[in-house]
Amino acid sequence: MRDGLVFLLDSQPDIQVCNMAGSAREALDSMHRDLPDLVIADLTLPDKSGLELVKDIRALFEGVSVLVVSMHDESLYAERALRAGASGYIMKEAASENLLKAVRKVLEGGVYVSPNMAEHLIKAFSGSQADRSKSDLGLLTDRELEVFELIGQAKSNKEIASQLSISVKTVDAHKAKIREKLKLKDSNALFRYAVKWAESQ
């Protein structure tokens, strides 16, 4: 898909792709060299959460916009991405038809989300519904959601700790908070729920 996006973008007379990367570390390293105006980022990366990458870009590169293109459901992730500092969120299934529109809008200083997501955000801002979902996974913090995703991938506590650069004790603490928020009685129930959710993505 990355090659397809590069081909589409490079075929435009007003857009030039300066680099592509397969990990957050590669992306940050190349940004120091290439100084792009816009980064198109996925949320699923081998070395770091895409949300953490968005936060890093916002902290390290003033004036660089981020557009998230992801397979993850926008109802759960778009608002998180915007809070992290992204200027847009587009699901991969809609990217082929809307990517250029999203890129140009973000480069012009705007914010791009789908019409459905825009309506949700407007309702949330106006106070006609909760600022974010108060049930199920909407209750989890960004870090807790990362841990939940990795549980769904059948990662051990040690593997989760290594991937997120935290201690095993901290992983246990996150799991306890997740079980409490999702009203799950034990670790087995959490594991089953996380795996079932991961399989539905």
C-alpha atoms as a PDB file:
ATOM      1  CA  MET A   1       0.000   0.000   0.000  1.00  0.00           C
ATOM      2  CA  ARG A   2       2.865   2.362   0.765  1.00  0.00           C
ATOM      3  CA  ASP A   3       4.189   2.014  -2.781  1.00  0.00           C
ATOM      4  CA  GLY A   4       0.709   2.719  -4.124  1.00  0.00           C
ATOM      5  CA  LEU A   5       0.415   5.901  -2.058  1.00  0.00           C
ATOM      6  CA  VAL A   6       3.854   7.058  -3.229  1.00  0.00           C
ATOM      7  CA  PHE A   7       2.899   6.456  -6.875  1.00  0.00           C
ATOM      8  CA  LEU A   8      -0.385   8.351  -6.464  1.00  0.00           C
ATOM      9  CA  LEU A   9       1.212  11.315  -4.702  1.00  0.00           C
ATOM     10  CA  ASP A  10       4.254  11.560  -6.981  1.00  0.00           C
ATOM     11  CA  SER A  11       1.990  11.647 -10.032  1.00  0.00           C
ATOM     12  CA  GLN A  12       0.606  15.004  -8.864  1.00  0.00           C
ATOM     13  CA  PRO A  13       2.345  18.128 -10.226  1.00  0.00           C
ATOM     14  CA  ASP A  14       2.060  19.967  -6.891  1.00  0.00           C
ATOM     15  CA  ILE A  15       3.185  17.149  -4.585  1.00  0.00           C
ATOM     16  CA  GLN A  16       6.597  15.540  -4.155  1.00  0.00           C
ATOM     17  CA  VAL A  17       7.353  12.526  -1.967  1.00  0.00           C
ATOM     18  CA  CYS A  18      10.732  13.063  -0.326  1.00  0.00           C
ATOM     19  CA  ASN A  19      11.059   9.737   1.500  1.00  0.00           C
ATOM     20  CA  MET A  20       9.277   6.749   2.998  1.00  0.00           C
ATOM     21  CA  ALA A  21       9.998   4.714   6.116  1.00  0.00           C
ATOM     22  CA  GLY A  22       9.030   1.376   7.598  1.00  0.00           C
ATOM     23  CA  SER A  23       9.267   2.331  11.265  1.00  0.00           C
ATOM     24  CA  ALA A  24       8.946   5.303  13.598  1.00  0.00           C
ATOM     25  CA  ARG A  25      12.717   5.446  14.066  1.00  0.00           C
ATOM     26  CA  GLU A  26      13.331   5.513  10.303  1.00  0.00           C
ATOM     27  CA  ALA A  27      10.677   8.195   9.895  1.00  0.00           C
ATOM     28  CA  LEU A  28      12.167  10.493  12.523  1.00  0.00           C
ATOM     29  CA  ASP A  29      15.699   9.982  11.175  1.00  0.00           C
ATOM     30  CA  SER A  30      14.642  10.807   7.615  1.00  0.00           C
ATOM     31  CA  MET A  31      12.665  13.844   8.745  1.00  0.00           C
ATOM     32  CA  HIS A  32      15.837  15.437  10.107  1.00  0.00           C
ATOM     33  CA  ARG A  33      17.354  15.123   6.624  1.00  0.00           C
ATOM     34  CA  ASP A  34      14.361  15.837   4.394  1.00  0.00           C
ATOM     35  CA  LEU A  35      12.323  18.354   6.440  1.00  0.00           C
ATOM     36  CA  PRO A  36       8.924  17.508   4.921  1.00  0.00           C
ATOM     37  CA  ASP A  37       5.834  19.693   5.092  1.00  0.00           C
ATOM     38  CA  LEU A  38       3.598  16.699   5.739  1.00  0.00           C
ATOM     39  CA  VAL A  39       4.002  13.202   7.157  1.00  0.00           C
ATOM     40  CA  ILE A  40       1.493  10.482   6.275  1.00  0.00           C
ATOM     41  CA  ALA A  41       1.613   8.001   9.150  1.00  0.00           C
ATOM     42  CA  ASP A  42       0.052   4.661   9.982  1.00  0.00           C
ATOM     43  CA  LEU A  43      -0.929   3.765  13.538  1.00  0.00           C
ATOM     44  CA  THR A  44       0.481   0.244  13.307  1.00  0.00           C
ATOM     45  CA  LEU A  45       4.271   0.390  13.348  1.00  0.00           C
ATOM     46  CA  PRO A  46       6.829  -2.275  14.322  1.00  0.00           C
ATOM     47  CA  ASP A  47       8.664  -0.224  16.919  1.00  0.00           C
ATOM     48  CA  LYS A  48       6.248   2.328  18.353  1.00  0.00           C
ATOM     49  CA  SER A  49       2.594   3.286  18.446  1.00  0.00           C
ATOM     50  CA  GLY A  50       1.577   5.607  15.636  1.00  0.00           C
ATOM     51  CA  LEU A  51      -0.026   7.871  18.226  1.00  0.00           C
ATOM     52  CA  GLU A  52       3.342   8.179  19.976  1.00  0.00           C
ATOM     53  CA  LEU A  53       4.981   8.964  16.630  1.00  0.00           C
ATOM     54  CA  VAL A  54       2.456  11.757  16.034  1.00  0.00           C
ATOM     55  CA  LYS A  55       3.285  13.206  19.461  1.00  0.00           C
ATOM     56  CA  ASP A  56       7.023  12.966  18.738  1.00  0.00           C
ATOM     57  CA  ILE A  57       6.656  14.744  15.391  1.00  0.00           C
ATOM     58  CA  ARG A  58       4.632  17.543  16.959  1.00  0.00           C
ATOM     59  CA  ALA A  59       7.261  17.966  19.680  1.00  0.00           C
ATOM     60  CA  LEU A  60      10.344  17.768  17.450  1.00  0.00           C
ATOM     61  CA  PHE A  61       9.295  19.347  14.148  1.00  0.00           C
ATOM     62  CA  GLU A  62       7.423  22.613  14.420  1.00  0.00           C
ATOM     63  CA  GLY A  63       5.249  23.301  11.423  1.00  0.00           C
ATOM     64  CA  VAL A  64       5.165  19.699  10.135  1.00  0.00           C
ATOM     65  CA  SER A  65       1.614  18.404   9.702  1.00  0.00           C
ATOM     66  CA  VAL A  66       0.608  14.769  10.158  1.00  0.00           C
ATOM     67  CA  LEU A  67      -2.127  12.905   8.293  1.00  0.00           C
ATOM     68  CA  VAL A  68      -2.940   9.483   9.726  1.00  0.00           C
ATOM     69  CA  VAL A  69      -3.944   6.787   7.227  1.00  0.00           C
ATOM     70  CA  SER A  70      -4.987   3.658   9.086  1.00  0.00           C
ATOM     71  CA  MET A  71      -7.057   0.498   8.944  1.00  0.00           C
ATOM     72  CA  HIS A  72      -8.211   1.147  12.522  1.00  0.00           C
ATOM     73  CA  ASP A  73     -11.804   2.226  13.071  1.00  0.00           C
ATOM     74  CA  GLU A  74     -12.002   6.009  13.038  1.00  0.00           C
ATOM     75  CA  SER A  75     -14.707   6.001  15.720  1.00  0.00           C
ATOM     76  CA  LEU A  76     -12.091   4.772  18.196  1.00  0.00           C
ATOM     77  CA  TYR A  77      -8.879   6.275  16.836  1.00  0.00           C
ATOM     78  CA  ALA A  78      -9.567   9.480  14.892  1.00  0.00           C
ATOM     79  CA  GLU A  79     -10.232  11.642  17.932  1.00  0.00           C
ATOM     80  CA  ARG A  80      -7.178  10.164  19.691  1.00  0.00           C
ATOM     81  CA  ALA A  81      -5.013  10.951  16.667  1.00  0.00           C
ATOM     82  CA  LEU A  82      -6.272  14.536  16.547  1.00  0.00           C
ATOM     83  CA  ARG A  83      -5.647  14.959  20.285  1.00  0.00           C
ATOM     84  CA  ALA A  84      -2.110  13.628  19.759  1.00  0.00           C
ATOM     85  CA  GLY A  85      -1.522  16.383  17.204  1.00  0.00           C
ATOM     86  CA  ALA A  86      -2.525  14.961  13.821  1.00  0.00           C
ATOM     87  CA  SER A  87      -4.254  17.271  11.362  1.00  0.00           C
ATOM     88  CA  GLY A  88      -6.288  14.541   9.718  1.00  0.00           C
ATOM     89  CA  TYR A  89      -7.435  10.940   9.839  1.00  0.00           C
ATOM     90  CA  ILE A  90      -8.464   8.777   6.915  1.00  0.00           C
ATOM     91  CA  MET A  91      -9.221   5.068   6.865  1.00  0.00           C
ATOM     92  CA  LYS A  92      -7.261   2.975   4.372  1.00  0.00           C
ATOM     93  CA  GLU A  93     -10.424   1.738   2.686  1.00  0.00           C
ATOM     94  CA  ALA A  94     -11.254   5.334   1.745  1.00  0.00           C
ATOM     95  CA  ALA A  95      -7.688   6.432   1.000  1.00  0.00           C
ATOM     96  CA  SER A  96      -7.694   5.725  -2.731  1.00  0.00           C
ATOM     97  CA  GLU A  97     -10.508   8.154  -3.422  1.00  0.00           C
ATOM     98  CA  ASN A  98      -9.977  10.758  -0.716  1.00  0.00           C
ATOM     99  CA  LEU A  99      -6.236  10.813  -0.048  1.00  0.00           C
ATOM    100  CA  LEU A 100      -5.369  13.695  -2.387  1.00  0.00           C
ATOM    101  CA  LYS A 101      -8.229  15.762  -1.015  1.00  0.00           C
ATOM    102  CA  ALA A 102      -7.043  15.043   2.539  1.00  0.00           C
ATOM    103  CA  VAL A 103      -3.383  15.824   1.757  1.00  0.00           C
ATOM    104  CA  ARG A 104      -4.195  19.148   0.109  1.00  0.00           C
ATOM    105  CA  LYS A 105      -6.558  20.192   2.878  1.00  0.00           C
ATOM    106  CA  VAL A 106      -3.955  19.472   5.575  1.00  0.00           C
ATOM    107  CA  LEU A 107      -1.186  21.200   3.598  1.00  0.00           C
ATOM    108  CA  GLU A 108      -3.436  24.267   3.362  1.00  0.00           C
ATOM    109  CA  GLY A 109      -3.664  24.323   7.154  1.00  0.00           C
ATOM    110  CA  GLY A 110      -7.011  22.579   7.481  1.00  0.00           C
ATOM    111  CA  VAL A 111      -8.143  19.443   9.293  1.00  0.00           C
ATOM    112  CA  TYR A 112      -9.440  16.406   7.420  1.00  0.00           C
ATOM    113  CA  VAL A 113     -11.795  13.742   8.768  1.00  0.00           C
ATOM    114  CA  SER A 114     -14.632  11.831   7.141  1.00  0.00           C
ATOM    115  CA  PRO A 115     -18.090  13.476   7.069  1.00  0.00           C
ATOM    116  CA  ASN A 116     -19.335  10.978   9.679  1.00  0.00           C
ATOM    117  CA  MET A 117     -16.428  11.730  11.989  1.00  0.00           C
ATOM    118  CA  ALA A 118     -16.831  15.470  11.474  1.00  0.00           C
ATOM    119  CA  GLU A 119     -20.464  15.195  12.575  1.00  0.00           C
ATOM    120  CA  HIS A 120     -19.440  13.198  15.655  1.00  0.00           C
ATOM    121  CA  LEU A 121     -16.808  15.783  16.628  1.00  0.00           C
ATOM    122  CA  ILE A 122     -19.219  18.681  16.146  1.00  0.00           C
ATOM    123  CA  LYS A 123     -21.805  16.987  18.362  1.00  0.00           C
ATOM    124  CA  ALA A 124     -19.165  16.291  20.993  1.00  0.00           C
ATOM    125  CA  PHE A 125     -17.919  19.885  20.896  1.00  0.00           C
ATOM    126  CA  SER A 126     -21.453  21.281  21.130  1.00  0.00           C
ATOM    127  CA  GLY A 127     -22.150  19.180  24.191  1.00  0.00           C
ATOM    128  CA  SER A 128     -25.000  17.227  22.625  1.00  0.00           C
ATOM    129  CA  GLN A 129     -23.174  14.005  23.479  1.00  0.00           C
ATOM    130  CA  ALA A 130     -20.263  12.963  25.648  1.00  0.00           C
ATOM    131  CA  ASP A 131     -16.850  14.252  24.608  1.00  0.00           C
ATOM    132  CA  ARG A 132     -15.921  10.684  23.836  1.00  0.00           C
ATOM    133  CA  SER A 133     -17.475   7.293  24.262  1.00  0.00           C
ATOM    134  CA  LYS A 134     -18.014   6.575  27.951  1.00  0.00           C
ATOM    135  CA  SER A 135     -18.441   2.873  27.358  1.00  0.00           C
ATOM    136  CA  ASP A 136     -16.223   0.055  26.278  1.00  0.00           C
ATOM    137  CA  LEU A 137     -12.852   0.908  24.741  1.00  0.00           C
ATOM    138  CA  GLY A 138     -13.500   4.645  24.646  1.00  0.00           C
ATOM    139  CA  LEU A 139     -12.788   4.679  28.378  1.00  0.00           C
ATOM    140  CA  LEU A 140      -9.189   3.537  27.912  1.00  0.00           C
ATOM    141  CA  THR A 141      -6.276   5.942  27.748  1.00  0.00           C
ATOM    142  CA  ASP A 142      -4.027   5.833  24.677  1.00  0.00           C
ATOM    143  CA  ARG A 143      -1.457   3.746  26.564  1.00  0.00           C
ATOM    144  CA  GLU A 144      -4.079   1.356  27.916  1.00  0.00           C
ATOM    145  CA  LEU A 145      -5.439   0.903  24.410  1.00  0.00           C
ATOM    146  CA  GLU A 146      -1.917   0.061  23.179  1.00  0.00           C
ATOM    147  CA  VAL A 147      -1.585  -2.577  25.907  1.00  0.00           C
ATOM    148  CA  PHE A 148      -5.063  -3.917  25.065  1.00  0.00           C
ATOM    149  CA  GLU A 149      -4.121  -4.239  21.378  1.00  0.00           C
ATOM    150  CA  LEU A 150      -0.949  -6.153  22.233  1.00  0.00           C
ATOM    151  CA  ILE A 151      -2.885  -8.469  24.554  1.00  0.00           C
ATOM    152  CA  GLY A 152      -5.143  -9.157  21.573  1.00  0.00           C
ATOM    153  CA  GLN A 153      -2.058 -10.131  19.576  1.00  0.00           C
ATOM    154  CA  ALA A 154      -1.291 -12.728  22.300  1.00  0.00           C
ATOM    155  CA  LYS A 155       1.842 -10.902  23.453  1.00  0.00           C
ATOM    156  CA  SER A 156       3.222 -11.836  26.866  1.00  0.00           C
ATOM    157  CA  ASN A 157       3.711  -9.235  29.591  1.00  0.00           C
ATOM    158  CA  LYS A 158       7.444  -9.305  28.904  1.00  0.00           C
ATOM    159  CA  GLU A 159       6.910  -8.763  25.163  1.00  0.00           C
ATOM    160  CA  ILE A 160       4.482  -5.894  25.812  1.00  0.00           C
ATOM    161  CA  ALA A 161       6.928  -4.286  28.227  1.00  0.00           C
ATOM    162  CA  SER A 162       9.755  -4.558  25.703  1.00  0.00           C
ATOM    163  CA  GLN A 163       7.714  -3.165  22.811  1.00  0.00           C
ATOM    164  CA  LEU A 164       6.405  -0.203  24.805  1.00  0.00           C
ATOM    165  CA  SER A 165       9.669   0.401  26.714  1.00  0.00           C
ATOM    166  CA  ILE A 166       7.978   0.062  30.083  1.00  0.00           C
ATOM    167  CA  SER A 167       8.415  -2.365  32.986  1.00  0.00           C
ATOM    168  CA  VAL A 168       6.487  -5.623  33.395  1.00  0.00           C
ATOM    169  CA  LYS A 169       5.113  -4.168  36.637  1.00  0.00           C
ATOM    170  CA  THR A 170       3.700  -1.225  34.675  1.00  0.00           C
ATOM    171  CA  VAL A 171       2.108  -3.631  32.179  1.00  0.00           C
ATOM    172  CA  ASP A 172       0.415  -5.401  35.112  1.00  0.00           C
ATOM    173  CA  ALA A 173      -0.846  -2.055  36.402  1.00  0.00           C
ATOM    174  CA  HIS A 174      -2.279  -1.160  32.985  1.00  0.00           C
ATOM    175  CA  LYS A 175      -3.959  -4.558  32.736  1.00  0.00           C
ATOM    176  CA  ALA A 176      -5.585  -4.063  36.134  1.00  0.00           C
ATOM    177  CA  LYS A 177      -6.932  -0.655  35.052  1.00  0.00           C
ATOM    178  CA  ILE A 178      -8.195  -2.091  31.768  1.00  0.00           C
ATOM    179  CA  ARG A 179     -10.017  -4.933  33.551  1.00  0.00           C
ATOM    180  CA  GLU A 180     -11.567  -2.419  35.935  1.00  0.00           C
ATOM    181  CA  LYS A 181     -12.735  -0.078  33.167  1.00  0.00           C
ATOM    182  CA  LEU A 182     -14.091  -2.905  30.990  1.00  0.00           C
ATOM    183  CA  LYS A 183     -15.609  -4.704  34.009  1.00  0.00           C
ATOM    184  CA  LEU A 184     -13.773  -7.951  33.301  1.00  0.00           C
ATOM    185  CA  LYS A 185     -13.383 -10.358  36.206  1.00  0.00           C
ATOM    186  CA  ASP A 186      -9.899 -11.717  35.521  1.00  0.00           C
ATOM    187  CA  SER A 187      -6.933 -11.893  33.137  1.00  0.00           C
ATOM    188  CA  ASN A 188      -8.473 -14.753  31.133  1.00  0.00           C
ATOM    189  CA  ALA A 189     -11.589 -12.709  30.453  1.00  0.00           C
ATOM    190  CA  LEU A 190      -9.412  -9.781  29.388  1.00  0.00           C
ATOM    191  CA  PHE A 191      -7.370 -12.000  27.068  1.00  0.00           C
ATOM    192  CA  ARG A 192     -10.485 -13.490  25.409  1.00  0.00           C
ATOM    193  CA  TYR A 193     -12.055 -10.063  24.961  1.00  0.00           C
ATOM    194  CA  ALA A 194      -8.838  -8.564  23.519  1.00  0.00           C
ATOM    195  CA  VAL A 195      -8.289 -11.442  21.080  1.00  0.00           C
ATOM    196  CA  LYS A 196     -11.900 -11.311  19.900  1.00  0.00           C
ATOM    197  CA  TRP A 197     -11.594  -7.554  19.355  1.00  0.00           C
ATOM    198  CA  ALA A 198      -8.271  -7.929  17.501  1.00  0.00           C
ATOM    199  CA  GLU A 199      -9.776 -10.537  15.177  1.00  0.00           C
ATOM    200  CA  SER A 200     -12.614  -8.134  14.292  1.00  0.00           C
ATOM    201  CA  GLN A 201     -10.227  -5.373  13.185  1.00  0.00           C
END
